[in-house]
């Protein structure tokens, strides 16, 4: 029996706490490099132990992303990705994995263009559990929060590493499902040296406000980073750029593109995901 969207995250965190594990959540760009490839990548990541997924919707101006994930937006868009094709992929993923928490990362232009009520209802109907809009801070989030809750979607907000008290309080109060804490300020990516020192302070700062479980992201690219996040008290970790870099290595430079060696790609993804998930053991 499948779970209702709002209870998938709580069921996951309860299960993992009982097993003495944190959550490992890979990020995947929908449609990168093609819809068929991204669906196959999702299947591989889930089979290798992903506890939930964060799925990106391709957008032309992804301001919160570093170069690696920016290029994944470009590949997906070059292959014809649209919001509607992304919704179709989400429906397929939900059908295959009825109890897996599915979080969406979408830039604010999409809900603005489609209208907030329509936007959240469409993604709820497709099977999304949560939506994070990285260019909408919590202080401007009220219309989004209201529309999300009306549609049964958990709103997610980012807790910056150096956030003011009022920001952290707002993030804790309004984020449902989980809180996306960032290990350092800046954009996503492994292009500059990742750093996981000071994580305990970041996590403790957020947990003072008694919000949803904390997932740590930005710069999480090795099993050691995952282990450091769990040791610092985070409930799990999110990795995007490191996975996207693996996908990129198996794509030609020309656009539009497709995976050149599927077996090699999926073997590398499986090895990476397995090691990252193993590092969540408390």
Protein backbone atom coordinates (compact mmCIF):
# COMPACT_ATOMS: atom_id res chain seq x y z
CA UNK A 1 0.00 0.00 0.00
CA UNK A 2 1.51 3.33 -1.04
CA UNK A 3 1.87 6.24 1.34
CA UNK A 4 0.33 9.66 1.02
CA UNK A 5 2.87 12.26 -0.01
CA UNK A 6 3.23 14.06 3.31
CA UNK A 7 3.92 10.84 5.19
CA UNK A 8 6.64 9.43 2.91
CA UNK A 9 9.39 11.56 4.46
CA UNK A 10 8.32 10.81 8.04
CA UNK A 11 8.14 7.08 7.26
CA UNK A 12 11.63 7.22 5.73
CA UNK A 13 13.19 9.05 8.68
CA UNK A 14 11.49 6.71 11.17
CA UNK A 15 12.74 3.65 9.30
CA UNK A 16 16.28 4.97 9.06
CA UNK A 17 16.41 6.01 12.72
CA UNK A 18 15.43 2.48 13.69
CA UNK A 19 18.23 1.11 11.50
CA UNK A 20 20.82 3.55 12.87
CA UNK A 21 21.26 5.26 9.51
CA UNK A 22 20.97 8.70 8.01
CA UNK A 23 19.29 9.37 4.67
CA UNK A 24 21.22 9.56 1.44
CA UNK A 25 19.42 11.59 -1.22
CA UNK A 26 20.87 11.89 -4.72
CA UNK A 27 19.92 14.78 -7.02
CA UNK A 28 19.06 14.02 -10.64
CA UNK A 29 18.16 16.48 -13.40
CA UNK A 30 15.02 15.29 -15.16
CA UNK A 31 15.71 14.75 -18.85
CA UNK A 32 19.53 14.78 -18.55
CA UNK A 33 20.83 13.90 -21.04
CA UNK A 34 17.58 12.42 -22.41
CA UNK A 35 14.30 11.43 -20.73
CA UNK A 36 15.04 7.71 -21.20
CA UNK A 37 18.55 8.08 -19.79
CA UNK A 38 17.38 10.02 -16.73
CA UNK A 39 14.72 7.42 -15.95
CA UNK A 40 17.32 4.64 -16.22
CA UNK A 41 19.65 6.65 -13.95
CA UNK A 42 16.89 6.99 -11.34
CA UNK A 43 16.31 3.23 -11.40
CA UNK A 44 20.02 2.58 -10.86
CA UNK A 45 20.28 5.04 -7.96
CA UNK A 46 17.23 3.58 -6.21
CA UNK A 47 18.50 0.02 -6.71
CA UNK A 48 21.86 1.07 -5.22
CA UNK A 49 20.23 2.35 -2.02
CA UNK A 50 18.91 5.90 -2.47
CA UNK A 51 16.49 6.67 0.38
CA UNK A 52 14.74 9.49 -1.50
CA UNK A 53 15.30 11.54 -4.64
CA UNK A 54 15.70 15.22 -5.33
CA UNK A 55 14.70 15.87 -8.93
CA UNK A 56 15.58 19.01 -10.88
CA UNK A 57 13.34 20.61 -13.48
CA UNK A 58 15.49 22.07 -16.28
CA UNK A 59 15.57 25.87 -16.43
CA UNK A 60 17.47 28.40 -18.53
CA UNK A 61 18.86 30.51 -15.66
CA UNK A 62 19.70 28.28 -12.66
CA UNK A 63 21.25 30.91 -10.39
CA UNK A 64 21.82 28.66 -7.36
CA UNK A 65 23.75 26.06 -9.32
CA UNK A 66 27.43 25.81 -10.12
CA UNK A 67 28.80 24.95 -13.58
CA UNK A 68 28.32 21.17 -13.37
CA UNK A 69 24.58 21.31 -12.70
CA UNK A 70 24.19 24.30 -15.02
CA UNK A 71 25.45 22.07 -17.82
CA UNK A 72 22.89 19.41 -16.87
CA UNK A 73 20.14 22.00 -17.36
CA UNK A 74 21.62 22.80 -20.79
CA UNK A 75 21.80 19.14 -21.85
CA UNK A 76 18.21 18.46 -20.81
CA UNK A 77 16.89 21.61 -22.50
CA UNK A 78 18.83 20.78 -25.68
CA UNK A 79 17.12 17.38 -25.71
CA UNK A 80 13.72 19.11 -25.59
CA UNK A 81 12.93 18.99 -21.87
CA UNK A 82 9.93 21.05 -20.75
CA UNK A 83 7.92 21.36 -17.56
CA UNK A 84 5.32 19.04 -19.08
CA UNK A 85 7.92 16.41 -20.01
CA UNK A 86 9.30 16.68 -16.47
CA UNK A 87 5.83 16.04 -15.05
CA UNK A 88 5.55 12.98 -17.27
CA UNK A 89 8.85 11.62 -15.92
CA UNK A 90 7.75 12.25 -12.33
CA UNK A 91 4.57 10.27 -12.96
CA UNK A 92 6.62 7.33 -14.27
CA UNK A 93 9.00 7.46 -11.29
CA UNK A 94 6.11 7.62 -8.82
CA UNK A 95 4.39 4.68 -10.51
CA UNK A 96 7.53 2.56 -10.20
CA UNK A 97 8.43 3.69 -6.66
CA UNK A 98 5.15 4.35 -4.82
CA UNK A 99 6.70 4.84 -1.36
CA UNK A 100 9.90 6.69 -2.28
CA UNK A 101 9.99 10.36 -1.19
CA UNK A 102 10.30 12.57 -4.28
CA UNK A 103 11.46 16.15 -3.80
CA UNK A 104 11.54 18.68 -6.63
CA UNK A 105 13.97 21.55 -7.09
CA UNK A 106 12.39 24.16 -9.36
CA UNK A 107 13.23 27.80 -10.04
CA UNK A 108 10.62 30.45 -9.26
CA UNK A 109 9.89 31.42 -12.85
CA UNK A 110 8.00 28.15 -13.36
CA UNK A 111 5.34 28.65 -10.66
CA UNK A 112 5.09 32.36 -11.57
CA UNK A 113 4.42 31.46 -15.21
CA UNK A 114 1.95 28.63 -14.58
CA UNK A 115 0.20 30.22 -11.61
CA UNK A 116 0.85 29.01 -8.08
CA UNK A 117 -2.29 26.93 -7.53
CA UNK A 118 -2.06 25.20 -10.90
CA UNK A 119 1.69 24.63 -10.52
CA UNK A 120 1.51 22.93 -7.12
CA UNK A 121 -1.55 20.87 -8.04
CA UNK A 122 0.11 19.61 -11.24
CA UNK A 123 3.20 18.45 -9.36
CA UNK A 124 1.11 16.94 -6.57
CA UNK A 125 -0.95 15.00 -9.10
CA UNK A 126 2.25 13.75 -10.75
CA UNK A 127 3.49 12.35 -7.43
CA UNK A 128 5.83 14.95 -5.96
CA UNK A 129 6.11 15.09 -2.16
CA UNK A 130 7.99 18.36 -1.72
CA UNK A 131 9.13 21.37 -3.71
CA UNK A 132 12.16 23.57 -3.05
CA UNK A 133 12.34 26.87 -4.95
CA UNK A 134 15.92 28.05 -4.36
CA UNK A 135 15.36 31.62 -5.55
CA UNK A 136 12.38 32.20 -3.24
CA UNK A 137 13.58 32.87 0.34
CA UNK A 138 11.34 32.07 3.27
CA UNK A 139 10.62 35.76 3.92
CA UNK A 140 8.89 35.90 0.51
CA UNK A 141 7.43 32.43 0.71
CA UNK A 142 3.93 32.89 2.10
CA UNK A 143 1.97 32.64 -1.20
CA UNK A 144 4.03 29.58 -2.16
CA UNK A 145 3.52 27.97 1.24
CA UNK A 146 -0.24 28.47 1.06
CA UNK A 147 -0.52 27.05 -2.46
CA UNK A 148 1.77 24.11 -1.60
CA UNK A 149 -0.25 23.12 1.46
CA UNK A 150 -3.51 23.43 -0.48
CA UNK A 151 -2.16 20.89 -2.99
CA UNK A 152 -0.68 18.55 -0.37
CA UNK A 153 2.92 19.44 -1.23
CA UNK A 154 5.54 19.94 1.50
CA UNK A 155 7.29 23.32 1.07
CA UNK A 156 11.06 23.15 1.56
CA UNK A 157 13.30 26.12 2.34
CA UNK A 158 17.07 26.50 2.43
CA UNK A 159 18.78 27.22 5.74
CA UNK A 160 21.94 29.17 4.81
CA UNK A 161 25.14 28.40 6.68
CA UNK A 162 25.40 31.94 8.08
CA UNK A 163 21.69 32.71 8.42
CA UNK A 164 20.18 35.25 10.79
CA UNK A 165 18.03 34.01 13.67
CA UNK A 166 14.81 35.20 12.02
CA UNK A 167 15.65 33.34 8.81
CA UNK A 168 16.37 30.06 10.62
CA UNK A 169 13.20 30.39 12.67
CA UNK A 170 11.18 30.95 9.49
CA UNK A 171 12.80 28.03 7.69
CA UNK A 172 12.14 25.72 10.65
CA UNK A 173 8.54 26.90 10.99
CA UNK A 174 7.58 26.58 7.32
CA UNK A 175 9.64 23.67 5.96
CA UNK A 176 7.81 20.36 5.96
CA UNK A 177 9.30 16.97 5.20
CA UNK A 178 12.85 18.17 5.76
CA UNK A 179 14.99 21.29 5.98
CA UNK A 180 17.66 21.80 3.30
CA UNK A 181 20.71 23.01 5.22
CA UNK A 182 23.72 24.12 3.24
CA UNK A 183 27.20 23.29 4.45
CA UNK A 184 28.65 26.50 3.04
CA UNK A 185 27.40 29.61 1.29
CA UNK A 186 27.67 29.93 -2.50
CA UNK A 187 26.41 27.77 -5.35
CA UNK A 188 26.22 24.01 -5.71
CA UNK A 189 29.18 22.07 -6.94
CA UNK A 190 32.43 20.30 -6.43
CA UNK A 191 34.41 22.72 -8.61
CA UNK A 192 35.94 24.35 -5.57
CA UNK A 193 37.27 22.39 -2.65
CA UNK A 194 34.46 21.03 -0.53
CA UNK A 195 34.64 21.68 3.17
CA UNK A 196 32.76 20.01 5.99
CA UNK A 197 34.39 21.69 8.95
CA UNK A 198 32.00 23.58 11.21
CA UNK A 199 29.04 21.38 10.30
CA UNK A 200 28.08 20.77 13.92
CA UNK A 201 27.53 24.50 14.38
CA UNK A 202 25.43 24.70 11.19
CA UNK A 203 23.23 21.77 12.24
CA UNK A 204 22.92 22.83 15.87
CA UNK A 205 21.90 26.34 14.80
CA UNK A 206 18.99 24.95 12.79
CA UNK A 207 17.91 22.29 15.27
CA UNK A 208 17.44 24.87 18.02
CA UNK A 209 14.16 25.80 16.33
CA UNK A 210 12.64 22.29 16.47
CA UNK A 211 11.79 22.03 12.78
CA UNK A 212 11.71 19.10 10.38
CA UNK A 213 14.71 16.74 9.99
CA UNK A 214 17.82 18.33 8.52
CA UNK A 215 19.41 17.21 5.25
CA UNK A 216 22.79 18.74 4.50
CA UNK A 217 23.72 19.68 0.94
CA UNK A 218 26.15 21.79 -1.17
CA UNK A 219 29.66 20.39 -1.47
CA UNK A 220 28.78 16.85 -0.32
CA UNK A 221 30.80 14.82 -2.80
CA UNK A 222 32.60 11.98 -0.95
CA UNK A 223 31.70 9.31 1.63
CA UNK A 224 33.77 11.25 4.17
CA UNK A 225 31.57 14.31 3.64
CA UNK A 226 28.48 12.17 4.25
CA UNK A 227 29.97 10.66 7.40
CA UNK A 228 30.91 14.15 8.64
CA UNK A 229 27.35 15.37 8.04
CA UNK A 230 25.86 12.48 10.01
CA UNK A 231 28.44 12.89 12.80
CA UNK A 232 27.48 16.58 13.02
CA UNK A 233 23.88 15.60 13.77
CA UNK A 234 22.30 15.93 10.33
CA UNK A 235 19.56 13.44 9.50
CA UNK A 236 21.01 12.84 6.05
CA UNK A 237 22.87 14.29 3.10
CA UNK A 238 22.04 15.39 -0.44
CA UNK A 239 24.52 15.04 -3.30
CA UNK A 240 24.01 16.55 -6.74
CA UNK A 241 27.09 17.81 -8.53
CA UNK A 242 29.21 14.70 -7.91
CA UNK A 243 26.50 12.50 -9.44
CA UNK A 244 25.92 14.93 -12.29
CA UNK A 245 29.66 14.93 -13.00
CA UNK A 246 29.59 11.14 -13.38
CA UNK A 247 26.74 11.43 -15.88
CA UNK A 248 28.59 14.18 -17.78
CA UNK A 249 31.69 12.02 -18.15
CA UNK A 250 29.61 9.51 -20.09
CA UNK A 251 28.16 12.07 -22.50
CA UNK A 252 29.75 13.45 -25.68
CA UNK A 253 30.46 17.16 -25.90
CA UNK A 254 27.98 17.78 -28.72
CA UNK A 255 24.36 18.83 -28.11
CA UNK A 256 21.82 17.32 -28.01
CA UNK A 257 23.48 14.33 -26.50
CA UNK A 258 22.90 10.88 -25.03
CA UNK A 259 24.86 8.47 -22.84
CA UNK A 260 27.67 6.88 -24.83
CA UNK A 261 28.41 3.83 -22.63
CA UNK A 262 25.38 2.96 -20.58
CA UNK A 263 26.86 -0.08 -18.83
CA UNK A 264 29.91 1.87 -17.67
CA UNK A 265 27.78 4.80 -16.47
CA UNK A 266 25.45 2.64 -14.41
CA UNK A 267 28.33 0.66 -12.92
CA UNK A 268 30.04 3.89 -11.81
CA UNK A 269 26.79 5.32 -10.41
CA UNK A 270 26.13 2.11 -8.48
CA UNK A 271 29.63 2.08 -6.99
CA UNK A 272 29.39 5.76 -5.99
CA UNK A 273 25.88 5.53 -4.53
CA UNK A 274 26.69 2.37 -2.56
CA UNK A 275 29.72 4.02 -0.94
CA UNK A 276 27.84 7.22 -0.14
CA UNK A 277 24.92 5.34 1.40
CA UNK A 278 27.25 3.14 3.48
CA UNK A 279 28.68 6.31 5.03
CA UNK A 280 25.31 7.19 6.57
CA UNK A 281 25.63 4.49 9.24
CA UNK A 282 25.69 6.11 12.66
